[in-house]
Amino acid sequence: MPDPIPFVLAVEDHGAGGHSYGLVTPVQWETLIWAWIIFALLFLILRKFAWKPLLHAVEEREKKIADSLARAEEIQRSAQEIAARQEAALAESQAQAKAVLDEARVAAERYRHGEMQKTKAESDAFLERAKKEITLEEARARDALRREVVDLTLQAASQVIERSLTAADDRKLAEGVVQALQKGRVGAARN
């Protein structure tokens, strides 16, 4: 085997021209080659058995992360779509509620107007009936008053004339009064 090449590790300076050299080790080529061979074998073994599974695991993890991110984006998109649909449904329900309220207001106004018209018609009819009844009662009162006046006039006349009228005159007078009363009842009945 060839002679080893000396290798200097360190040089120390002790001042005033005194240098001291550190440990010098010769390079052992055989050890160096075996170290490189072991390194290469270890590299190949690790590459085949450790790095591939590690790379595969890393790739799987990256894939899972990418899938999770894609699912998260999809969930976010669907959540945004659901929120938009909910907002649209809320706006639609608010519009429907407003339409129902407007329709209820119009119906209430129509009902109130109809009830006012009905009440006015009923009050007008009641007033008209009251006027007719008042007119009828007024006519009856006049007829009764006429009868009373006729009766009182006849009584007064009979007392004043009693002595001067004969039985025949009484009869004619009574018949005339009865006819006048009958005419008064017929006239009252026509009113």
N, C-alpha and C. Protein backbone atom coordinates (compact mmCIF):
# COMPACT_ATOMS: atom_id res chain seq x y z
N MET A 1 0.83 -1.17 0.00
CA MET A 1 0.00 0.00 0.00
C MET A 1 0.88 1.24 0.00
N PRO A 2 0.46 2.30 -0.72
CA PRO A 2 1.33 3.47 -0.77
C PRO A 2 1.37 4.18 0.57
N ASP A 3 2.33 5.05 0.66
CA ASP A 3 2.49 5.78 1.91
C ASP A 3 1.36 6.79 2.07
N PRO A 4 0.97 6.88 3.31
CA PRO A 4 -0.09 7.86 3.53
C PRO A 4 0.42 9.27 3.37
N ILE A 5 -0.48 10.16 2.91
CA ILE A 5 -0.14 11.57 2.75
C ILE A 5 -0.39 12.25 4.09
N PRO A 6 0.63 13.01 4.58
CA PRO A 6 0.42 13.65 5.87
C PRO A 6 -0.69 14.71 5.76
N PHE A 7 -1.40 14.90 6.84
CA PHE A 7 -2.53 15.85 6.89
C PHE A 7 -2.35 16.70 8.13
N VAL A 8 -2.31 17.99 7.96
CA VAL A 8 -2.09 18.89 9.08
C VAL A 8 -3.44 19.36 9.56
N LEU A 9 -3.66 19.27 10.89
CA LEU A 9 -4.94 19.68 11.42
C LEU A 9 -4.93 21.12 11.88
N ALA A 10 -3.92 21.54 12.57
CA ALA A 10 -3.93 22.89 13.10
C ALA A 10 -2.52 23.38 13.30
N VAL A 11 -2.32 24.69 13.21
CA VAL A 11 -1.03 25.31 13.47
C VAL A 11 -1.25 26.29 14.59
N GLU A 12 -0.38 26.24 15.63
CA GLU A 12 -0.53 27.15 16.76
C GLU A 12 0.69 28.04 16.81
N ASP A 13 0.50 29.28 17.15
CA ASP A 13 1.60 30.24 17.26
C ASP A 13 1.80 30.55 18.74
N HIS A 14 3.03 30.28 19.24
CA HIS A 14 3.30 30.51 20.65
C HIS A 14 4.13 31.77 20.85
N GLY A 15 4.25 32.60 19.93
CA GLY A 15 4.98 33.86 20.05
C GLY A 15 6.49 33.68 19.92
N ALA A 16 7.23 34.69 19.60
CA ALA A 16 8.69 34.81 19.47
C ALA A 16 9.28 33.69 18.62
N GLY A 17 8.67 33.44 17.54
CA GLY A 17 9.20 32.51 16.56
C GLY A 17 8.96 31.07 16.91
N GLY A 18 8.21 30.81 17.94
CA GLY A 18 7.96 29.43 18.31
C GLY A 18 6.65 28.95 17.78
N HIS A 19 6.74 28.20 16.71
CA HIS A 19 5.52 27.61 16.15
C HIS A 19 5.43 26.16 16.56
N SER A 20 4.22 25.75 16.77
CA SER A 20 4.03 24.36 17.12
C SER A 20 2.96 23.82 16.18
N TYR A 21 3.25 22.67 15.66
CA TYR A 21 2.30 22.06 14.74
C TYR A 21 1.47 21.02 15.48
N GLY A 22 0.18 20.97 15.07
CA GLY A 22 -0.71 20.04 15.74
C GLY A 22 -0.54 18.64 15.20
N LEU A 23 -1.49 17.81 15.51
CA LEU A 23 -1.46 16.41 15.16
C LEU A 23 -1.64 16.28 13.66
N VAL A 24 -0.81 15.55 13.05
CA VAL A 24 -0.90 15.31 11.63
C VAL A 24 -1.27 13.84 11.47
N THR A 25 -2.38 13.62 10.72
CA THR A 25 -2.78 12.24 10.51
C THR A 25 -2.66 11.92 9.04
N PRO A 26 -2.17 10.80 8.76
CA PRO A 26 -2.06 10.43 7.36
C PRO A 26 -3.43 9.99 6.84
N VAL A 27 -3.73 10.21 5.57
CA VAL A 27 -4.98 9.80 4.93
C VAL A 27 -4.87 8.32 4.63
N GLN A 28 -5.91 7.61 5.06
CA GLN A 28 -5.93 6.19 4.78
C GLN A 28 -6.95 5.97 3.68
N TRP A 29 -6.40 5.66 2.55
CA TRP A 29 -7.24 5.53 1.34
C TRP A 29 -8.20 4.36 1.46
N GLU A 30 -7.77 3.36 2.05
CA GLU A 30 -8.62 2.19 2.18
C GLU A 30 -9.86 2.51 3.02
N THR A 31 -9.70 3.19 4.11
CA THR A 31 -10.82 3.58 4.98
C THR A 31 -11.72 4.56 4.24
N LEU A 32 -11.10 5.48 3.53
CA LEU A 32 -11.88 6.46 2.78
C LEU A 32 -12.73 5.78 1.71
N ILE A 33 -12.20 4.82 1.02
CA ILE A 33 -12.95 4.12 -0.04
C ILE A 33 -14.09 3.33 0.59
N TRP A 34 -13.75 2.60 1.67
CA TRP A 34 -14.80 1.83 2.33
C TRP A 34 -15.90 2.76 2.88
N ALA A 35 -15.54 3.91 3.36
CA ALA A 35 -16.56 4.86 3.85
C ALA A 35 -17.46 5.30 2.70
N TRP A 36 -16.83 5.56 1.52
CA TRP A 36 -17.63 5.95 0.37
C TRP A 36 -18.50 4.79 -0.12
N ILE A 37 -18.03 3.60 -0.08
CA ILE A 37 -18.81 2.44 -0.50
C ILE A 37 -19.98 2.23 0.45
N ILE A 38 -19.71 2.32 1.74
CA ILE A 38 -20.77 2.15 2.73
C ILE A 38 -21.81 3.27 2.57
N PHE A 39 -21.32 4.48 2.34
CA PHE A 39 -22.24 5.61 2.14
C PHE A 39 -23.13 5.37 0.93
N ALA A 40 -22.51 4.91 -0.18
CA ALA A 40 -23.28 4.66 -1.41
C ALA A 40 -24.30 3.54 -1.20
N LEU A 41 -23.87 2.45 -0.51
CA LEU A 41 -24.80 1.35 -0.24
C LEU A 41 -25.95 1.82 0.67
N LEU A 42 -25.56 2.53 1.70
CA LEU A 42 -26.58 3.05 2.61
C LEU A 42 -27.53 4.00 1.87
N PHE A 43 -26.95 4.81 0.98
CA PHE A 43 -27.77 5.72 0.18
C PHE A 43 -28.76 4.95 -0.68
N LEU A 44 -28.29 3.90 -1.35
CA LEU A 44 -29.15 3.10 -2.22
C LEU A 44 -30.23 2.36 -1.41
N ILE A 45 -29.82 1.79 -0.27
CA ILE A 45 -30.79 1.08 0.57
C ILE A 45 -31.86 2.05 1.09
N LEU A 46 -31.41 3.19 1.60
CA LEU A 46 -32.36 4.19 2.10
C LEU A 46 -33.25 4.70 0.98
N ARG A 47 -32.64 4.88 -0.19
CA ARG A 47 -33.43 5.37 -1.33
C ARG A 47 -34.53 4.37 -1.69
N LYS A 48 -34.17 3.08 -1.68
CA LYS A 48 -35.13 2.08 -2.09
C LYS A 48 -36.16 1.82 -1.00
N PHE A 49 -35.71 1.67 0.23
CA PHE A 49 -36.62 1.24 1.29
C PHE A 49 -37.16 2.38 2.16
N ALA A 50 -36.47 3.45 2.30
CA ALA A 50 -36.93 4.51 3.20
C ALA A 50 -37.46 5.72 2.44
N TRP A 51 -36.72 6.20 1.45
CA TRP A 51 -37.14 7.42 0.77
C TRP A 51 -38.40 7.23 -0.05
N LYS A 52 -38.52 6.10 -0.73
CA LYS A 52 -39.73 5.88 -1.52
C LYS A 52 -40.97 5.87 -0.63
N PRO A 53 -40.96 5.11 0.47
CA PRO A 53 -42.13 5.17 1.34
C PRO A 53 -42.32 6.57 1.95
N LEU A 54 -41.22 7.21 2.31
CA LEU A 54 -41.34 8.57 2.85
C LEU A 54 -41.90 9.52 1.79
N LEU A 55 -41.37 9.43 0.58
CA LEU A 55 -41.88 10.28 -0.51
C LEU A 55 -43.33 9.94 -0.81
N HIS A 56 -43.62 8.64 -0.79
CA HIS A 56 -45.00 8.22 -1.02
C HIS A 56 -45.92 8.78 0.08
N ALA A 57 -45.47 8.69 1.33
CA ALA A 57 -46.26 9.22 2.45
C ALA A 57 -46.43 10.74 2.32
N VAL A 58 -45.36 11.41 1.92
CA VAL A 58 -45.43 12.87 1.73
C VAL A 58 -46.39 13.21 0.59
N GLU A 59 -46.30 12.44 -0.49
CA GLU A 59 -47.19 12.68 -1.63
C GLU A 59 -48.64 12.41 -1.23
N GLU A 60 -48.88 11.32 -0.46
CA GLU A 60 -50.23 11.03 0.02
C GLU A 60 -50.74 12.18 0.90
N ARG A 61 -49.88 12.65 1.76
CA ARG A 61 -50.28 13.75 2.64
C ARG A 61 -50.58 15.00 1.82
N GLU A 62 -49.73 15.30 0.84
CA GLU A 62 -49.99 16.45 -0.04
C GLU A 62 -51.32 16.27 -0.77
N LYS A 63 -51.57 15.04 -1.23
CA LYS A 63 -52.82 14.77 -1.92
C LYS A 63 -54.01 14.97 -0.99
N LYS A 64 -53.89 14.45 0.26
CA LYS A 64 -54.96 14.63 1.24
C LYS A 64 -55.19 16.11 1.53
N ILE A 65 -54.11 16.85 1.67
CA ILE A 65 -54.22 18.29 1.93
C ILE A 65 -54.89 18.98 0.76
N ALA A 66 -54.48 18.61 -0.47
CA ALA A 66 -55.09 19.21 -1.66
C ALA A 66 -56.57 18.85 -1.73
N ASP A 67 -56.89 17.56 -1.43
CA ASP A 67 -58.30 17.14 -1.42
C ASP A 67 -59.09 17.90 -0.35
N SER A 68 -58.48 18.04 0.82
CA SER A 68 -59.16 18.76 1.90
C SER A 68 -59.39 20.22 1.51
N LEU A 69 -58.39 20.83 0.88
CA LEU A 69 -58.56 22.21 0.43
C LEU A 69 -59.66 22.31 -0.63
N ALA A 70 -59.69 21.33 -1.55
CA ALA A 70 -60.73 21.33 -2.59
C ALA A 70 -62.10 21.15 -1.96
N ARG A 71 -62.20 20.22 -0.98
CA ARG A 71 -63.48 20.02 -0.29
C ARG A 71 -63.87 21.27 0.48
N ALA A 72 -62.90 21.90 1.12
CA ALA A 72 -63.20 23.12 1.87
C ALA A 72 -63.70 24.22 0.94
N GLU A 73 -63.06 24.34 -0.22
CA GLU A 73 -63.53 25.33 -1.20
C GLU A 73 -64.93 24.99 -1.69
N GLU A 74 -65.16 23.69 -1.93
CA GLU A 74 -66.48 23.25 -2.38
C GLU A 74 -67.53 23.52 -1.30
N ILE A 75 -67.19 23.21 -0.05
CA ILE A 75 -68.10 23.48 1.07
C ILE A 75 -68.36 24.97 1.20
N GLN A 76 -67.31 25.76 1.03
CA GLN A 76 -67.48 27.22 1.12
C GLN A 76 -68.39 27.72 -0.01
N ARG A 77 -68.19 27.17 -1.23
CA ARG A 77 -69.04 27.56 -2.35
C ARG A 77 -70.49 27.16 -2.09
N SER A 78 -70.68 25.92 -1.60
CA SER A 78 -72.05 25.48 -1.33
C SER A 78 -72.66 26.29 -0.18
N ALA A 79 -71.86 26.65 0.81
CA ALA A 79 -72.36 27.49 1.90
C ALA A 79 -72.76 28.86 1.37
N GLN A 80 -71.97 29.40 0.45
CA GLN A 80 -72.32 30.69 -0.15
C GLN A 80 -73.60 30.56 -0.97
N GLU A 81 -73.74 29.44 -1.70
CA GLU A 81 -74.96 29.22 -2.48
C GLU A 81 -76.17 29.09 -1.56
N ILE A 82 -76.00 28.34 -0.46
CA ILE A 82 -77.10 28.19 0.50
C ILE A 82 -77.46 29.53 1.11
N ALA A 83 -76.44 30.31 1.46
CA ALA A 83 -76.70 31.65 2.03
C ALA A 83 -77.43 32.52 1.02
N ALA A 84 -77.01 32.44 -0.24
CA ALA A 84 -77.69 33.24 -1.28
C ALA A 84 -79.13 32.78 -1.44
N ARG A 85 -79.35 31.45 -1.43
CA ARG A 85 -80.72 30.93 -1.54
C ARG A 85 -81.56 31.36 -0.34
N GLN A 86 -80.96 31.31 0.84
CA GLN A 86 -81.68 31.72 2.04
C GLN A 86 -82.04 33.21 1.98
N GLU A 87 -81.09 34.01 1.51
CA GLU A 87 -81.38 35.44 1.37
C GLU A 87 -82.50 35.67 0.35
N ALA A 88 -82.44 34.92 -0.76
CA ALA A 88 -83.50 35.05 -1.76
C ALA A 88 -84.84 34.60 -1.20
N ALA A 89 -84.83 33.48 -0.45
CA ALA A 89 -86.08 32.98 0.15
C ALA A 89 -86.60 33.98 1.17
N LEU A 90 -85.69 34.57 1.95
CA LEU A 90 -86.10 35.58 2.93
C LEU A 90 -86.70 36.79 2.24
N ALA A 91 -86.05 37.24 1.18
CA ALA A 91 -86.58 38.39 0.43
C ALA A 91 -87.94 38.05 -0.17
N GLU A 92 -88.07 36.83 -0.70
CA GLU A 92 -89.34 36.41 -1.28
C GLU A 92 -90.43 36.33 -0.22
N SER A 93 -90.09 35.76 0.95
CA SER A 93 -91.09 35.66 2.01
C SER A 93 -91.47 37.04 2.54
N GLN A 94 -90.50 37.97 2.59
CA GLN A 94 -90.82 39.33 3.00
C GLN A 94 -91.74 39.99 1.97
N ALA A 95 -91.48 39.75 0.69
CA ALA A 95 -92.34 40.31 -0.35
C ALA A 95 -93.74 39.71 -0.26
N GLN A 96 -93.81 38.40 -0.02
CA GLN A 96 -95.13 37.76 0.12
C GLN A 96 -95.86 38.30 1.35
N ALA A 97 -95.14 38.47 2.44
CA ALA A 97 -95.77 39.01 3.66
C ALA A 97 -96.28 40.42 3.41
N LYS A 98 -95.49 41.22 2.68
CA LYS A 98 -95.91 42.58 2.37
C LYS A 98 -97.16 42.55 1.48
N ALA A 99 -97.17 41.63 0.51
CA ALA A 99 -98.33 41.51 -0.38
C ALA A 99 -99.57 41.09 0.42
N VAL A 100 -99.39 40.15 1.34
CA VAL A 100 -100.52 39.70 2.16
C VAL A 100 -101.03 40.86 3.03
N LEU A 101 -100.09 41.60 3.61
CA LEU A 101 -100.50 42.75 4.44
C LEU A 101 -101.22 43.80 3.60
N ASP A 102 -100.69 44.07 2.41
CA ASP A 102 -101.34 45.05 1.55
C ASP A 102 -102.74 44.57 1.16
N GLU A 103 -102.85 43.28 0.84
CA GLU A 103 -104.15 42.72 0.48
C GLU A 103 -105.11 42.78 1.67
N ALA A 104 -104.59 42.51 2.87
CA ALA A 104 -105.43 42.57 4.07
C ALA A 104 -105.89 44.00 4.33
N ARG A 105 -105.00 44.97 4.11
CA ARG A 105 -105.38 46.38 4.28
C ARG A 105 -106.49 46.76 3.30
N VAL A 106 -106.32 46.34 2.04
CA VAL A 106 -107.33 46.65 1.02
C VAL A 106 -108.65 45.99 1.38
N ALA A 107 -108.59 44.70 1.80
CA ALA A 107 -109.81 43.99 2.18
C ALA A 107 -110.48 44.65 3.38
N ALA A 108 -109.67 45.07 4.36
CA ALA A 108 -110.23 45.75 5.55
C ALA A 108 -110.87 47.07 5.15
N GLU A 109 -110.22 47.78 4.24
CA GLU A 109 -110.78 49.06 3.79
C GLU A 109 -112.10 48.82 3.05
N ARG A 110 -112.11 47.78 2.18
CA ARG A 110 -113.33 47.43 1.47
C ARG A 110 -114.44 47.05 2.44
N TYR A 111 -114.09 46.24 3.44
CA TYR A 111 -115.07 45.80 4.43
C TYR A 111 -115.59 47.00 5.22
N ARG A 112 -114.68 47.87 5.64
CA ARG A 112 -115.09 49.06 6.39
C ARG A 112 -116.01 49.94 5.55
N HIS A 113 -115.65 50.13 4.28
CA HIS A 113 -116.47 50.95 3.38
C HIS A 113 -117.85 50.29 3.20
N GLY A 114 -117.86 48.95 2.99
CA GLY A 114 -119.12 48.24 2.82
C GLY A 114 -119.98 48.33 4.07
N GLU A 115 -119.35 48.18 5.23
CA GLU A 115 -120.11 48.26 6.48
C GLU A 115 -120.65 49.68 6.69
N MET A 116 -119.85 50.68 6.30
CA MET A 116 -120.34 52.06 6.42
C MET A 116 -121.54 52.28 5.50
N GLN A 117 -121.46 51.76 4.27
CA GLN A 117 -122.58 51.88 3.34
C GLN A 117 -123.81 51.15 3.87
N LYS A 118 -123.58 49.95 4.42
CA LYS A 118 -124.68 49.16 4.96
C LYS A 118 -125.31 49.90 6.15
N THR A 119 -124.47 50.43 7.03
CA THR A 119 -124.97 51.17 8.19
C THR A 119 -125.73 52.41 7.75
N LYS A 120 -125.19 53.10 6.74
CA LYS A 120 -125.87 54.30 6.23
C LYS A 120 -127.22 53.93 5.63
N ALA A 121 -127.24 52.82 4.86
CA ALA A 121 -128.51 52.38 4.26
C ALA A 121 -129.51 51.99 5.35
N GLU A 122 -129.03 51.27 6.38
CA GLU A 122 -129.92 50.89 7.47
C GLU A 122 -130.44 52.11 8.21
N SER A 123 -129.55 53.06 8.47
CA SER A 123 -129.99 54.27 9.19
C SER A 123 -130.95 55.09 8.33
N ASP A 124 -130.69 55.14 7.01
CA ASP A 124 -131.63 55.86 6.12
C ASP A 124 -132.99 55.16 6.11
N ALA A 125 -132.97 53.80 6.05
CA ALA A 125 -134.23 53.06 6.06
C ALA A 125 -134.95 53.25 7.39
N PHE A 126 -134.22 53.22 8.50
CA PHE A 126 -134.82 53.44 9.81
C PHE A 126 -135.40 54.84 9.90
N LEU A 127 -134.68 55.82 9.39
CA LEU A 127 -135.16 57.21 9.40
C LEU A 127 -136.42 57.34 8.55
N GLU A 128 -136.42 56.66 7.40
CA GLU A 128 -137.57 56.70 6.51
C GLU A 128 -138.79 56.05 7.19
N ARG A 129 -138.58 54.88 7.84
CA ARG A 129 -139.68 54.23 8.56
C ARG A 129 -140.19 55.11 9.70
N ALA A 130 -139.24 55.75 10.39
CA ALA A 130 -139.63 56.63 11.50
C ALA A 130 -140.46 57.80 10.98
N LYS A 131 -140.05 58.35 9.84
CA LYS A 131 -140.82 59.46 9.26
C LYS A 131 -142.23 59.00 8.89
N LYS A 132 -142.32 57.79 8.28
CA LYS A 132 -143.63 57.26 7.90
C LYS A 132 -144.50 57.02 9.14
N GLU A 133 -143.89 56.44 10.17
CA GLU A 133 -144.63 56.19 11.40
C GLU A 133 -145.08 57.49 12.05
N ILE A 134 -144.21 58.49 12.02
CA ILE A 134 -144.57 59.80 12.59
C ILE A 134 -145.72 60.40 11.80
N THR A 135 -145.63 60.30 10.46
CA THR A 135 -146.70 60.84 9.61
C THR A 135 -148.01 60.10 9.88
N LEU A 136 -147.93 58.77 10.00
CA LEU A 136 -149.11 57.96 10.27
C LEU A 136 -149.70 58.29 11.64
N GLU A 137 -148.83 58.39 12.64
CA GLU A 137 -149.30 58.73 13.99
C GLU A 137 -149.89 60.14 14.01
N GLU A 138 -149.28 61.02 13.26
CA GLU A 138 -149.79 62.40 13.17
C GLU A 138 -151.19 62.40 12.55
N ALA A 139 -151.36 61.60 11.48
CA ALA A 139 -152.68 61.51 10.83
C ALA A 139 -153.70 60.90 11.79
N ARG A 140 -153.29 59.86 12.52
CA ARG A 140 -154.20 59.26 13.50
C ARG A 140 -154.57 60.26 14.59
N ALA A 141 -153.57 60.99 15.06
CA ALA A 141 -153.85 61.98 16.10
C ALA A 141 -154.81 63.06 15.59
N ARG A 142 -154.63 63.47 14.33
CA ARG A 142 -155.54 64.47 13.76
C ARG A 142 -156.96 63.91 13.67
N ASP A 143 -157.04 62.64 13.20
CA ASP A 143 -158.36 62.01 13.11
C ASP A 143 -159.02 61.91 14.48
N ALA A 144 -158.21 61.49 15.48
CA ALA A 144 -158.77 61.38 16.83
C ALA A 144 -159.18 62.75 17.35
N LEU A 145 -158.35 63.74 17.05
CA LEU A 145 -158.68 65.11 17.48
C LEU A 145 -159.94 65.59 16.78
N ARG A 146 -160.10 65.28 15.49
CA ARG A 146 -161.32 65.69 14.77
C ARG A 146 -162.55 65.02 15.39
N ARG A 147 -162.40 63.73 15.69
CA ARG A 147 -163.54 63.03 16.29
C ARG A 147 -163.93 63.66 17.63
N GLU A 148 -162.86 63.93 18.41
CA GLU A 148 -163.14 64.55 19.71
C GLU A 148 -163.81 65.91 19.53
N VAL A 149 -163.30 66.67 18.54
CA VAL A 149 -163.91 68.00 18.29
C VAL A 149 -165.35 67.82 17.85
N VAL A 150 -165.56 66.83 16.95
CA VAL A 150 -166.93 66.60 16.47
C VAL A 150 -167.82 66.18 17.64
N ASP A 151 -167.28 65.24 18.47
CA ASP A 151 -168.08 64.77 19.61
C ASP A 151 -168.38 65.93 20.56
N LEU A 152 -167.34 66.70 20.87
CA LEU A 152 -167.55 67.84 21.79
C LEU A 152 -168.50 68.88 21.17
N THR A 153 -168.36 69.09 19.86
CA THR A 153 -169.25 70.04 19.20
C THR A 153 -170.68 69.53 19.23
N LEU A 154 -170.84 68.23 19.00
CA LEU A 154 -172.18 67.65 19.04
C LEU A 154 -172.76 67.72 20.43
N GLN A 155 -171.97 67.45 21.43
CA GLN A 155 -172.47 67.51 22.79
C GLN A 155 -172.88 68.95 23.14
N ALA A 156 -171.98 69.85 22.77
CA ALA A 156 -172.31 71.26 23.07
C ALA A 156 -173.53 71.69 22.28
N ALA A 157 -173.59 71.29 21.02
CA ALA A 157 -174.74 71.67 20.19
C ALA A 157 -176.00 71.01 20.71
N SER A 158 -175.88 69.76 21.14
CA SER A 158 -177.10 69.10 21.62
C SER A 158 -177.57 69.73 22.92
N GLN A 159 -176.67 70.18 23.74
CA GLN A 159 -177.10 70.84 24.97
C GLN A 159 -177.73 72.19 24.66
N VAL A 160 -177.14 72.89 23.72
CA VAL A 160 -177.70 74.19 23.38
C VAL A 160 -179.00 74.00 22.62
N ILE A 161 -179.07 73.09 21.72
CA ILE A 161 -180.22 72.93 20.85
C ILE A 161 -181.20 71.89 21.42
N GLU A 162 -180.94 71.23 22.43
CA GLU A 162 -181.73 70.16 22.94
C GLU A 162 -183.20 70.55 23.14
N ARG A 163 -183.43 71.63 23.51
CA ARG A 163 -184.78 72.04 23.77
C ARG A 163 -185.51 72.42 22.49
N SER A 164 -184.76 72.89 21.54
CA SER A 164 -185.47 73.37 20.37
C SER A 164 -185.61 72.34 19.26
N LEU A 165 -184.81 71.19 19.33
CA LEU A 165 -184.90 70.17 18.28
C LEU A 165 -185.92 69.12 18.64
N THR A 166 -186.50 68.59 17.63
CA THR A 166 -187.48 67.52 17.81
C THR A 166 -186.77 66.20 17.64
N ALA A 167 -187.46 65.13 17.84
CA ALA A 167 -186.90 63.80 17.73
C ALA A 167 -186.46 63.54 16.29
N ALA A 168 -187.17 64.03 15.32
CA ALA A 168 -186.81 63.85 13.92
C ALA A 168 -185.52 64.61 13.62
N ASP A 169 -185.38 65.76 14.16
CA ASP A 169 -184.16 66.54 13.96
C ASP A 169 -182.97 65.82 14.60
N ASP A 170 -183.20 65.22 15.80
CA ASP A 170 -182.14 64.47 16.46
C ASP A 170 -181.68 63.31 15.59
N ARG A 171 -182.68 62.65 14.99
CA ARG A 171 -182.36 61.51 14.15
C ARG A 171 -181.53 61.95 12.96
N LYS A 172 -181.91 63.03 12.24
CA LYS A 172 -181.17 63.53 11.08
C LYS A 172 -179.78 63.97 11.49
N LEU A 173 -179.69 64.62 12.61
CA LEU A 173 -178.41 65.10 13.10
C LEU A 173 -177.50 63.91 13.44
N ALA A 174 -178.04 62.89 14.08
CA ALA A 174 -177.26 61.71 14.44
C ALA A 174 -176.79 60.98 13.18
N GLU A 175 -177.67 60.87 12.18
CA GLU A 175 -177.29 60.22 10.94
C GLU A 175 -176.19 61.00 10.23
N GLY A 176 -176.28 62.30 10.24
CA GLY A 176 -175.24 63.13 9.60
C GLY A 176 -173.90 62.98 10.32
N VAL A 177 -173.96 62.89 11.65
CA VAL A 177 -172.73 62.73 12.42
C VAL A 177 -172.11 61.36 12.13
N VAL A 178 -172.95 60.32 12.07
CA VAL A 178 -172.44 58.98 11.78
C VAL A 178 -171.82 58.96 10.40
N GLN A 179 -172.47 59.59 9.43
CA GLN A 179 -171.90 59.63 8.07
C GLN A 179 -170.58 60.41 8.06
N ALA A 180 -170.53 61.48 8.80
CA ALA A 180 -169.29 62.28 8.87
C ALA A 180 -168.17 61.47 9.53
N LEU A 181 -168.53 60.72 10.55
CA LEU A 181 -167.53 59.88 11.22
C LEU A 181 -167.04 58.76 10.29
N GLN A 182 -167.99 58.18 9.54
CA GLN A 182 -167.61 57.12 8.60
C GLN A 182 -166.70 57.68 7.51
N LYS A 183 -167.03 58.87 7.02
CA LYS A 183 -166.17 59.49 6.01
C LYS A 183 -164.78 59.78 6.60
N GLY A 184 -164.74 60.20 7.86
CA GLY A 184 -163.48 60.51 8.53
C GLY A 184 -162.64 59.26 8.71
N ARG A 185 -163.26 58.11 9.01
CA ARG A 185 -162.54 56.85 9.17
C ARG A 185 -162.04 56.35 7.82
N VAL A 186 -162.84 56.49 6.82
CA VAL A 186 -162.42 56.07 5.47
C VAL A 186 -161.27 56.94 5.02
N GLY A 187 -161.33 58.24 5.24
CA GLY A 187 -160.24 59.15 4.86
C GLY A 187 -158.98 58.85 5.66
N ALA A 188 -159.16 58.53 6.94
CA ALA A 188 -157.99 58.19 7.78
C ALA A 188 -157.36 56.89 7.34
N ALA A 189 -158.23 55.93 6.94
CA ALA A 189 -157.72 54.65 6.49
C ALA A 189 -156.97 54.79 5.19
N ARG A 190 -157.36 55.72 4.34
CA ARG A 190 -156.65 55.94 3.07
C ARG A 190 -155.29 56.56 3.28
N ASN A 191 -155.14 57.37 4.32
CA ASN A 191 -153.86 58.04 4.58
C ASN A 191 -152.90 57.01 5.09
